[in-house]
Amino acid sequence: MVLVSFPSDSGAPLGFAGEELVLTKPNALYWPRERTLLVADLHLEKGSWYAQTGQMLPPYDSRETLERLADTIKATGARRVITLGDNFHDDAGTSRLEPYAAGMLEGLIRTHDWIWVTGNHDEQMHRTFGAESTDELEIGGIILRHEARTGETRPELSGHYHPKMRVRVRDRHIARPCAVLSRSDSGPDRMIAPAFGAYTGGMDAGAPEILEALSPASEVDAVLPANGKLVTFPLYREAA
């Protein structure tokens, strides 16, 4: 296991499948031993997709997402970026990316080892901007894919569900993106990463669809960083 020093206001260490990861506050996972940043569900060009249907949203979501991604890469010192699917909101989103955002993306890809893992929204990306594209891959014994597979017997990192933890703080209900971590007495660690994109909504972290995707499991927790520490919210415990 590789220990990592990370700004306390930027993320929290997280043990996973024998590795030390960092769950960052901008909703990404950094893997120090691999110098790799993992981001799920960018959903670039979601705003322009909605515009085609007459639902007008500010058209700057791709810029905001890429700017936050660039900041996170700089903060972590990542040399490689691996996405976890739904990189664009639809296959044609690559052709709608306006020149400024396209230049930002091309610059990031040119200076880093970049791998697109595709998802259900972008299975046939029209353009990869010079990066490698695949439906899944394995690094260090951990499977990286877009959607968790029920019954997976190997350590797995995925996205797709956009998990959020809803908590009550001082009579206010607050929803925050989170990761959902599943552990088993006899099986592998598995995790669903938070969505990174500016225009991504969220599903309740304890939703039946998420618990089913991570089954079988002995315990399932929602986890998010706060003041340099990992805050854990139990979602499921196997009956004794």
Protein backbone atom coordinates (compact mmCIF):
# COMPACT_ATOMS: atom_id res chain seq x y z
CA MET A 1 0.00 0.00 0.00
CA VAL A 2 1.31 3.46 -0.90
CA LEU A 3 0.71 6.25 1.59
CA VAL A 4 -0.15 9.62 0.12
CA SER A 5 0.13 13.19 1.34
CA PHE A 6 -2.82 15.25 0.11
CA PRO A 7 -4.14 18.68 1.12
CA SER A 8 -6.60 18.12 3.97
CA ASP A 9 -9.15 20.44 2.41
CA SER A 10 -9.04 18.65 -0.94
CA GLY A 11 -9.80 15.01 -0.16
CA ALA A 12 -9.51 12.05 2.15
CA PRO A 13 -7.59 8.74 2.00
CA LEU A 14 -9.62 5.64 1.26
CA GLY A 15 -8.42 2.05 1.50
CA PHE A 16 -9.70 -0.07 -1.38
CA ALA A 17 -8.69 -3.58 -2.52
CA GLY A 18 -5.31 -3.28 -0.81
CA GLU A 19 -4.62 0.10 -2.41
CA GLU A 20 -4.57 3.59 -0.95
CA LEU A 21 -6.84 5.92 -2.94
CA VAL A 22 -7.87 9.52 -2.32
CA LEU A 23 -11.50 10.55 -2.65
CA THR A 24 -11.24 14.18 -3.71
CA LYS A 25 -13.74 16.91 -2.91
CA PRO A 26 -14.34 17.63 -6.63
CA ASN A 27 -15.80 14.10 -6.88
CA ALA A 28 -12.87 12.14 -8.28
CA LEU A 29 -10.63 9.29 -7.14
CA TYR A 30 -6.86 9.59 -7.20
CA TRP A 31 -4.70 6.44 -7.21
CA PRO A 32 -1.24 7.50 -6.00
CA ARG A 33 0.66 4.30 -6.81
CA GLU A 34 -0.52 4.53 -10.41
CA ARG A 35 -0.37 8.36 -10.57
CA THR A 36 -3.89 8.02 -12.00
CA LEU A 37 -6.99 10.16 -11.66
CA LEU A 38 -10.33 8.36 -12.08
CA VAL A 39 -13.41 10.37 -13.00
CA ALA A 40 -16.90 9.12 -13.76
CA ASP A 41 -19.81 10.58 -15.71
CA LEU A 42 -18.46 13.82 -17.15
CA HIS A 43 -21.55 14.09 -19.40
CA LEU A 44 -19.86 16.75 -21.53
CA GLU A 45 -22.24 18.69 -23.79
CA LYS A 46 -25.32 17.81 -21.78
CA GLY A 47 -26.42 21.44 -22.03
CA SER A 48 -26.26 21.45 -25.82
CA TRP A 49 -28.13 18.15 -25.94
CA TYR A 50 -30.98 19.66 -23.93
CA ALA A 51 -30.96 22.72 -26.19
CA GLN A 52 -31.80 20.45 -29.13
CA THR A 53 -35.01 19.49 -27.34
CA GLY A 54 -35.97 23.09 -26.56
CA GLN A 55 -34.83 22.98 -22.91
CA MET A 56 -32.43 25.88 -22.70
CA LEU A 57 -29.65 25.60 -20.12
CA PRO A 58 -26.51 27.76 -19.89
CA PRO A 59 -24.20 26.25 -22.57
CA TYR A 60 -21.02 26.29 -20.48
CA ASP A 61 -21.22 22.97 -18.65
CA SER A 62 -18.34 21.43 -20.62
CA ARG A 63 -16.07 24.37 -19.81
CA GLU A 64 -16.90 24.16 -16.12
CA THR A 65 -16.38 20.40 -16.01
CA LEU A 66 -13.05 20.57 -17.85
CA GLU A 67 -11.81 23.47 -15.73
CA ARG A 68 -12.56 21.52 -12.54
CA LEU A 69 -10.90 18.48 -14.06
CA ALA A 70 -7.78 20.46 -14.94
CA ASP A 71 -7.64 21.83 -11.39
CA THR A 72 -7.96 18.33 -9.93
CA ILE A 73 -5.22 16.97 -12.20
CA LYS A 74 -2.94 19.78 -11.08
CA ALA A 75 -3.77 19.30 -7.39
CA THR A 76 -3.08 15.56 -7.48
CA GLY A 77 -0.14 15.61 -9.89
CA ALA A 78 -1.79 12.82 -11.89
CA ARG A 79 0.04 11.64 -14.99
CA ARG A 80 -2.80 9.48 -16.26
CA VAL A 81 -6.55 10.09 -16.47
CA ILE A 82 -9.05 7.27 -16.82
CA THR A 83 -12.70 8.10 -17.25
CA LEU A 84 -15.42 5.67 -16.19
CA GLY A 85 -17.98 6.15 -18.93
CA ASP A 86 -20.65 8.62 -20.01
CA ASN A 87 -17.87 10.99 -20.95
CA PHE A 88 -20.23 12.82 -23.31
CA HIS A 89 -23.97 12.98 -22.84
CA ASP A 90 -24.47 11.32 -26.24
CA ASP A 91 -22.29 9.93 -29.02
CA ALA A 92 -22.61 13.10 -31.11
CA GLY A 93 -21.56 15.32 -28.22
CA THR A 94 -17.95 15.16 -29.42
CA SER A 95 -18.94 17.10 -32.55
CA ARG A 96 -20.85 19.78 -30.59
CA LEU A 97 -17.98 20.64 -28.27
CA GLU A 98 -17.27 24.33 -28.89
CA PRO A 99 -13.70 25.38 -29.85
CA TYR A 100 -12.67 26.74 -26.44
CA ALA A 101 -13.70 23.58 -24.56
CA ALA A 102 -12.31 21.36 -27.33
CA GLY A 103 -8.96 23.14 -27.00
CA MET A 104 -8.98 22.58 -23.24
CA LEU A 105 -9.70 18.88 -23.69
CA GLU A 106 -7.09 18.44 -26.41
CA GLY A 107 -4.50 20.12 -24.21
CA LEU A 108 -5.23 17.82 -21.27
CA ILE A 109 -5.08 14.73 -23.46
CA ARG A 110 -1.88 15.86 -25.16
CA THR A 111 -0.05 16.25 -21.84
CA HIS A 112 -1.39 13.16 -20.06
CA ASP A 113 -1.87 9.47 -20.65
CA TRP A 114 -5.64 9.45 -21.22
CA ILE A 115 -8.04 6.51 -21.52
CA TRP A 116 -11.76 6.84 -22.20
CA VAL A 117 -13.84 4.03 -20.72
CA THR A 118 -17.14 4.33 -22.57
CA GLY A 119 -20.64 4.07 -21.06
CA ASN A 120 -24.23 3.68 -22.09
CA HIS A 121 -24.47 7.33 -23.21
CA ASP A 122 -21.37 7.22 -25.42
CA GLU A 123 -20.77 3.65 -26.54
CA GLN A 124 -19.82 4.88 -30.03
CA MET A 125 -17.94 8.14 -29.39
CA HIS A 126 -17.58 9.92 -32.74
CA ARG A 127 -14.21 11.37 -31.74
CA THR A 128 -11.65 10.43 -29.09
CA PHE A 129 -9.40 13.54 -29.40
CA GLY A 130 -6.35 11.31 -29.77
CA ALA A 131 -6.92 9.22 -26.63
CA GLU A 132 -7.41 5.49 -26.26
CA SER A 133 -10.99 4.22 -25.92
CA THR A 134 -12.24 0.96 -24.42
CA ASP A 135 -15.34 -0.50 -22.79
CA GLU A 136 -13.38 -1.67 -19.71
CA LEU A 137 -9.87 -2.40 -18.52
CA GLU A 138 -8.00 -3.94 -15.59
CA ILE A 139 -5.17 -2.26 -13.69
CA GLY A 140 -3.48 -3.77 -10.65
CA GLY A 141 -6.16 -6.43 -10.41
CA ILE A 142 -8.98 -3.83 -10.29
CA ILE A 143 -11.62 -3.79 -13.03
CA LEU A 144 -12.52 -0.34 -14.31
CA ARG A 145 -15.87 -0.12 -16.13
CA HIS A 146 -18.89 2.14 -16.43
CA GLU A 147 -21.62 0.08 -14.80
CA ALA A 148 -21.17 -2.29 -11.86
CA ARG A 149 -21.99 -5.93 -12.56
CA THR A 150 -24.01 -7.77 -9.96
CA GLY A 151 -22.04 -10.74 -8.66
CA GLU A 152 -18.63 -9.48 -9.87
CA THR A 153 -15.92 -11.55 -8.17
CA ARG A 154 -13.02 -9.13 -8.75
CA PRO A 155 -12.34 -5.69 -7.26
CA GLU A 156 -14.30 -3.20 -9.33
CA LEU A 157 -14.54 0.58 -9.80
CA SER A 158 -17.47 1.97 -11.78
CA GLY A 159 -19.76 4.97 -12.23
CA HIS A 160 -23.19 5.25 -13.90
CA TYR A 161 -25.47 5.82 -10.89
CA HIS A 162 -24.37 9.34 -9.80
CA PRO A 163 -24.80 8.48 -6.09
CA LYS A 164 -25.69 11.24 -3.64
CA MET A 165 -25.97 11.17 0.14
CA ARG A 166 -28.85 13.15 1.59
CA VAL A 167 -28.33 14.33 5.16
CA ARG A 168 -30.05 16.72 7.53
CA VAL A 169 -27.84 19.48 8.98
CA ARG A 170 -29.33 22.10 11.31
CA ASP A 171 -32.86 21.56 10.04
CA ARG A 172 -31.71 21.66 6.43
CA HIS A 173 -31.69 18.76 3.99
CA ILE A 174 -28.44 18.68 2.01
CA ALA A 175 -27.50 16.35 -0.85
CA ARG A 176 -23.83 15.73 -1.63
CA PRO A 177 -22.20 13.53 -4.30
CA CYS A 178 -20.54 10.53 -2.72
CA ALA A 179 -18.93 7.22 -3.50
CA VAL A 180 -20.64 3.98 -2.52
CA LEU A 181 -18.29 1.33 -1.16
CA SER A 182 -19.17 -2.34 -0.84
CA ARG A 183 -17.18 -4.86 1.18
CA SER A 184 -17.68 -8.57 1.65
CA ASP A 185 -16.32 -11.13 4.10
CA SER A 186 -15.57 -13.51 1.24
CA GLY A 187 -15.57 -11.29 -1.84
CA PRO A 188 -13.84 -8.25 -3.32
CA ASP A 189 -14.08 -4.56 -2.54
CA ARG A 190 -16.27 -2.75 -5.09
CA MET A 191 -17.05 0.93 -5.46
CA ILE A 192 -19.31 3.24 -7.44
CA ALA A 193 -17.67 6.64 -7.94
CA PRO A 194 -19.50 9.97 -7.70
CA ALA A 195 -20.43 11.78 -10.91
CA PHE A 196 -17.97 14.52 -11.87
CA GLY A 197 -19.86 16.50 -14.53
CA ALA A 198 -21.32 19.95 -13.90
CA TYR A 199 -24.81 18.97 -15.09
CA THR A 200 -25.13 15.56 -13.46
CA GLY A 201 -28.02 14.91 -11.09
CA GLY A 202 -28.00 12.11 -8.60
CA MET A 203 -29.59 8.95 -7.26
CA ASP A 204 -29.98 8.32 -3.55
CA ALA A 205 -26.91 6.36 -2.44
CA GLY A 206 -29.08 3.75 -0.74
CA ALA A 207 -31.39 3.20 -3.71
CA PRO A 208 -32.28 -0.45 -4.41
CA GLU A 209 -30.64 -0.23 -7.86
CA ILE A 210 -27.29 0.67 -6.31
CA LEU A 211 -27.45 -1.97 -3.59
CA GLU A 212 -28.41 -4.61 -6.16
CA ALA A 213 -25.55 -3.60 -8.47
CA LEU A 214 -23.04 -4.08 -5.63
CA SER A 215 -24.44 -7.36 -4.35
CA PRO A 216 -23.54 -9.71 -2.84
CA ALA A 217 -21.99 -7.67 -0.04
CA SER A 218 -21.57 -7.90 3.71
CA GLU A 219 -21.76 -4.12 4.09
CA VAL A 220 -22.34 -1.09 1.88
CA ASP A 221 -21.45 2.49 2.87
CA ALA A 222 -21.73 5.93 1.37
CA VAL A 223 -18.41 7.75 1.78
CA LEU A 224 -17.39 11.36 1.20
CA PRO A 225 -14.49 13.59 2.28
CA ALA A 226 -14.79 16.28 4.93
CA ASN A 227 -11.88 18.20 6.50
CA GLY A 228 -9.37 15.64 5.29
CA LYS A 229 -11.23 12.67 6.75
CA LEU A 230 -13.52 10.09 5.24
CA VAL A 231 -17.09 10.36 6.51
CA THR A 232 -19.01 7.09 6.36
CA PHE A 233 -22.77 6.56 6.27
CA PRO A 234 -23.93 2.92 6.60
CA LEU A 235 -26.39 1.91 3.89
CA TYR A 236 -26.62 -1.87 4.31
CA ARG A 237 -25.47 -4.55 6.72
CA GLU A 238 -25.86 -8.26 6.13
CA ALA A 239 -28.10 -9.95 8.68
CA ALA A 240 -26.18 -11.87 11.35
